[in-house]
Amino acid sequence: MWQALREAVSEHDIDIDAANRVMEVVDLPLLPRRWQVRLTLTVLAELTAGTSDDAFDAAEAAIETALAGAEIEARIEWNGNERDNADPGDLDPTDPWPGCPR
C-alpha cells in the first residue's frame, strides 16, 4: 500500500496530504517530503575586530564557513537589520598590529 500511494503521489494522481492521512489510518510511515525550515538562532561569537561592523562581518563569515561542511543543504539569509548586539571587550593582546604578520 505504501509503495502504491507513493507512486500515485509521484504521478499526481493523489495529493500527498491525502495519501499521508491514509498512511496514518493504517499505521504506515508517512511519505517523505522536502521541507524548507526557517530558524531564528541566537549565536554568540567572541572574536577580535576593530569595529562592531567588522565584528559582525567576521562572525558571519565564520558561520558561513562552518555551515559549508554541514551534512544538510543550508543557506544563511543575512539581514543587516537583524544584527542584535556587539559588546566591545578588552584589548586582545594576542592580535598583532593590523597588517603585521602573525
C-alpha atoms as a PDB file:
ATOM      1  CA  MET A   1       0.000   0.000   0.000  1.00  0.00           C
ATOM      2  CA  TRP A   2       2.810   2.407   0.927  1.00  0.00           C
ATOM      3  CA  GLN A   3       4.549   1.972  -2.442  1.00  0.00           C
ATOM      4  CA  ALA A   4       1.262   2.288  -4.356  1.00  0.00           C
ATOM      5  CA  LEU A   5       0.405   5.568  -2.640  1.00  0.00           C
ATOM      6  CA  ARG A   6       3.941   6.843  -3.162  1.00  0.00           C
ATOM      7  CA  GLU A   7       3.648   6.156  -6.896  1.00  0.00           C
ATOM      8  CA  ALA A   8       0.195   7.756  -7.023  1.00  0.00           C
ATOM      9  CA  VAL A   9       1.590  10.921  -5.408  1.00  0.00           C
ATOM     10  CA  SER A  10       4.583  10.900  -7.767  1.00  0.00           C
ATOM     11  CA  GLU A  11       2.224  10.714 -10.749  1.00  0.00           C
ATOM     12  CA  HIS A  12      -0.015  13.470  -9.284  1.00  0.00           C
ATOM     13  CA  ASP A  13      -2.982  11.087  -9.032  1.00  0.00           C
ATOM     14  CA  ILE A  14      -3.431  11.894  -5.340  1.00  0.00           C
ATOM     15  CA  ASP A  15      -2.328  14.744  -3.090  1.00  0.00           C
ATOM     16  CA  ILE A  16       0.465  13.898  -0.642  1.00  0.00           C
ATOM     17  CA  ASP A  17      -1.585  15.159   2.310  1.00  0.00           C
ATOM     18  CA  ALA A  18      -4.443  12.809   1.403  1.00  0.00           C
ATOM     19  CA  ALA A  19      -2.008   9.922   0.944  1.00  0.00           C
ATOM     20  CA  ASN A  20      -0.431  10.621   4.328  1.00  0.00           C
ATOM     21  CA  ARG A  21      -3.866  10.679   6.004  1.00  0.00           C
ATOM     22  CA  VAL A  22      -4.442   7.170   4.614  1.00  0.00           C
ATOM     23  CA  MET A  23      -0.994   6.134   5.875  1.00  0.00           C
ATOM     24  CA  GLU A  24      -1.836   7.370   9.366  1.00  0.00           C
ATOM     25  CA  VAL A  25      -5.117   5.452   9.432  1.00  0.00           C
ATOM     26  CA  VAL A  26      -3.415   2.157   8.549  1.00  0.00           C
ATOM     27  CA  ASP A  27      -0.413   2.932  10.776  1.00  0.00           C
ATOM     28  CA  LEU A  28       2.203   3.099   7.993  1.00  0.00           C
ATOM     29  CA  PRO A  29       5.130   5.537   7.835  1.00  0.00           C
ATOM     30  CA  LEU A  30       4.253   8.845   6.212  1.00  0.00           C
ATOM     31  CA  LEU A  31       5.610   9.665   2.779  1.00  0.00           C
ATOM     32  CA  PRO A  32       8.821  11.690   2.972  1.00  0.00           C
ATOM     33  CA  ARG A  33       8.620  15.323   1.925  1.00  0.00           C
ATOM     34  CA  ARG A  34      11.120  18.050   1.187  1.00  0.00           C
ATOM     35  CA  TRP A  35      10.863  20.753   3.844  1.00  0.00           C
ATOM     36  CA  GLN A  36      12.249  24.254   3.910  1.00  0.00           C
ATOM     37  CA  VAL A  37      12.729  25.249   7.518  1.00  0.00           C
ATOM     38  CA  ARG A  38      13.447  28.789   8.661  1.00  0.00           C
ATOM     39  CA  LEU A  39      15.086  29.001  12.074  1.00  0.00           C
ATOM     40  CA  THR A  40      15.966  32.094  14.018  1.00  0.00           C
ATOM     41  CA  LEU A  41      19.003  31.397  16.161  1.00  0.00           C
ATOM     42  CA  THR A  42      20.968  33.481  18.574  1.00  0.00           C
ATOM     43  CA  VAL A  43      24.662  32.894  18.001  1.00  0.00           C
ATOM     44  CA  LEU A  44      27.142  34.319  20.465  1.00  0.00           C
ATOM     45  CA  ALA A  45      30.625  34.539  18.979  1.00  0.00           C
ATOM     46  CA  GLU A  46      33.726  36.009  20.580  1.00  0.00           C
ATOM     47  CA  LEU A  47      36.320  37.329  18.152  1.00  0.00           C
ATOM     48  CA  THR A  48      38.765  40.154  17.592  1.00  0.00           C
ATOM     49  CA  ALA A  49      37.842  43.148  15.420  1.00  0.00           C
ATOM     50  CA  GLY A  50      38.293  46.902  15.363  1.00  0.00           C
ATOM     51  CA  THR A  51      34.632  47.926  14.974  1.00  0.00           C
ATOM     52  CA  SER A  52      31.260  46.343  15.620  1.00  0.00           C
ATOM     53  CA  ASP A  53      30.624  46.175  11.853  1.00  0.00           C
ATOM     54  CA  ASP A  54      33.924  44.331  11.384  1.00  0.00           C
ATOM     55  CA  ALA A  55      32.986  42.005  14.248  1.00  0.00           C
ATOM     56  CA  PHE A  56      29.600  41.213  12.676  1.00  0.00           C
ATOM     57  CA  ASP A  57      31.231  40.634   9.285  1.00  0.00           C
ATOM     58  CA  ALA A  58      33.843  38.303  10.774  1.00  0.00           C
ATOM     59  CA  ALA A  59      31.242  36.368  12.761  1.00  0.00           C
ATOM     60  CA  GLU A  60      29.029  35.956   9.684  1.00  0.00           C
ATOM     61  CA  ALA A  61      31.996  34.742   7.620  1.00  0.00           C
ATOM     62  CA  ALA A  62      32.959  32.220  10.306  1.00  0.00           C
ATOM     63  CA  ILE A  63      29.402  30.883  10.492  1.00  0.00           C
ATOM     64  CA  GLU A  64      29.146  30.555   6.706  1.00  0.00           C
ATOM     65  CA  THR A  65      32.462  28.662   6.667  1.00  0.00           C
ATOM     66  CA  ALA A  66      31.255  26.326   9.406  1.00  0.00           C
ATOM     67  CA  LEU A  67      27.983  25.593   7.582  1.00  0.00           C
ATOM     68  CA  ALA A  68      29.781  24.906   4.303  1.00  0.00           C
ATOM     69  CA  GLY A  69      30.705  21.476   5.651  1.00  0.00           C
ATOM     70  CA  ALA A  70      27.237  20.674   7.012  1.00  0.00           C
ATOM     71  CA  GLU A  71      25.517  17.431   6.060  1.00  0.00           C
ATOM     72  CA  ILE A  72      22.354  19.295   5.036  1.00  0.00           C
ATOM     73  CA  GLU A  73      21.806  21.847   2.329  1.00  0.00           C
ATOM     74  CA  ALA A  74      21.656  25.106   4.234  1.00  0.00           C
ATOM     75  CA  ARG A  75      21.985  28.745   3.375  1.00  0.00           C
ATOM     76  CA  ILE A  76      22.022  31.822   5.525  1.00  0.00           C
ATOM     77  CA  GLU A  77      19.917  34.833   4.651  1.00  0.00           C
ATOM     78  CA  TRP A  78      21.849  37.657   6.274  1.00  0.00           C
ATOM     79  CA  ASN A  79      19.857  40.766   7.009  1.00  0.00           C
ATOM     80  CA  GLY A  80      21.831  43.634   8.499  1.00  0.00           C
ATOM     81  CA  ASN A  81      18.716  44.846  10.292  1.00  0.00           C
ATOM     82  CA  GLU A  82      18.724  41.685  12.383  1.00  0.00           C
ATOM     83  CA  ARG A  83      22.163  42.275  13.853  1.00  0.00           C
ATOM     84  CA  ASP A  84      21.297  42.264  17.514  1.00  0.00           C
ATOM     85  CA  ASN A  85      24.216  43.495  19.549  1.00  0.00           C
ATOM     86  CA  ALA A  86      28.001  43.660  19.658  1.00  0.00           C
ATOM     87  CA  ASP A  87      29.529  44.382  23.045  1.00  0.00           C
ATOM     88  CA  PRO A  88      33.122  45.654  22.954  1.00  0.00           C
ATOM     89  CA  GLY A  89      35.515  43.990  25.368  1.00  0.00           C
ATOM     90  CA  ASP A  90      39.097  44.425  26.457  1.00  0.00           C
ATOM     91  CA  LEU A  91      42.120  44.720  24.177  1.00  0.00           C
ATOM     92  CA  ASP A  92      43.112  41.424  22.599  1.00  0.00           C
ATOM     93  CA  PRO A  93      46.831  41.188  23.410  1.00  0.00           C
ATOM     94  CA  THR A  94      47.259  38.166  21.116  1.00  0.00           C
ATOM     95  CA  ASP A  95      46.241  40.110  17.987  1.00  0.00           C
ATOM     96  CA  PRO A  96      49.181  41.961  16.380  1.00  0.00           C
ATOM     97  CA  TRP A  97      49.097  45.442  14.920  1.00  0.00           C
ATOM     98  CA  PRO A  98      46.890  45.416  11.744  1.00  0.00           C
ATOM     99  CA  GLY A  99      48.927  44.356   8.758  1.00  0.00           C
ATOM    100  CA  CYS A 100      51.728  42.788  10.803  1.00  0.00           C
ATOM    101  CA  PRO A 101      52.458  39.137  10.171  1.00  0.00           C
ATOM    102  CA  ARG A 102      51.449  36.761  12.910  1.00  0.00           C
END
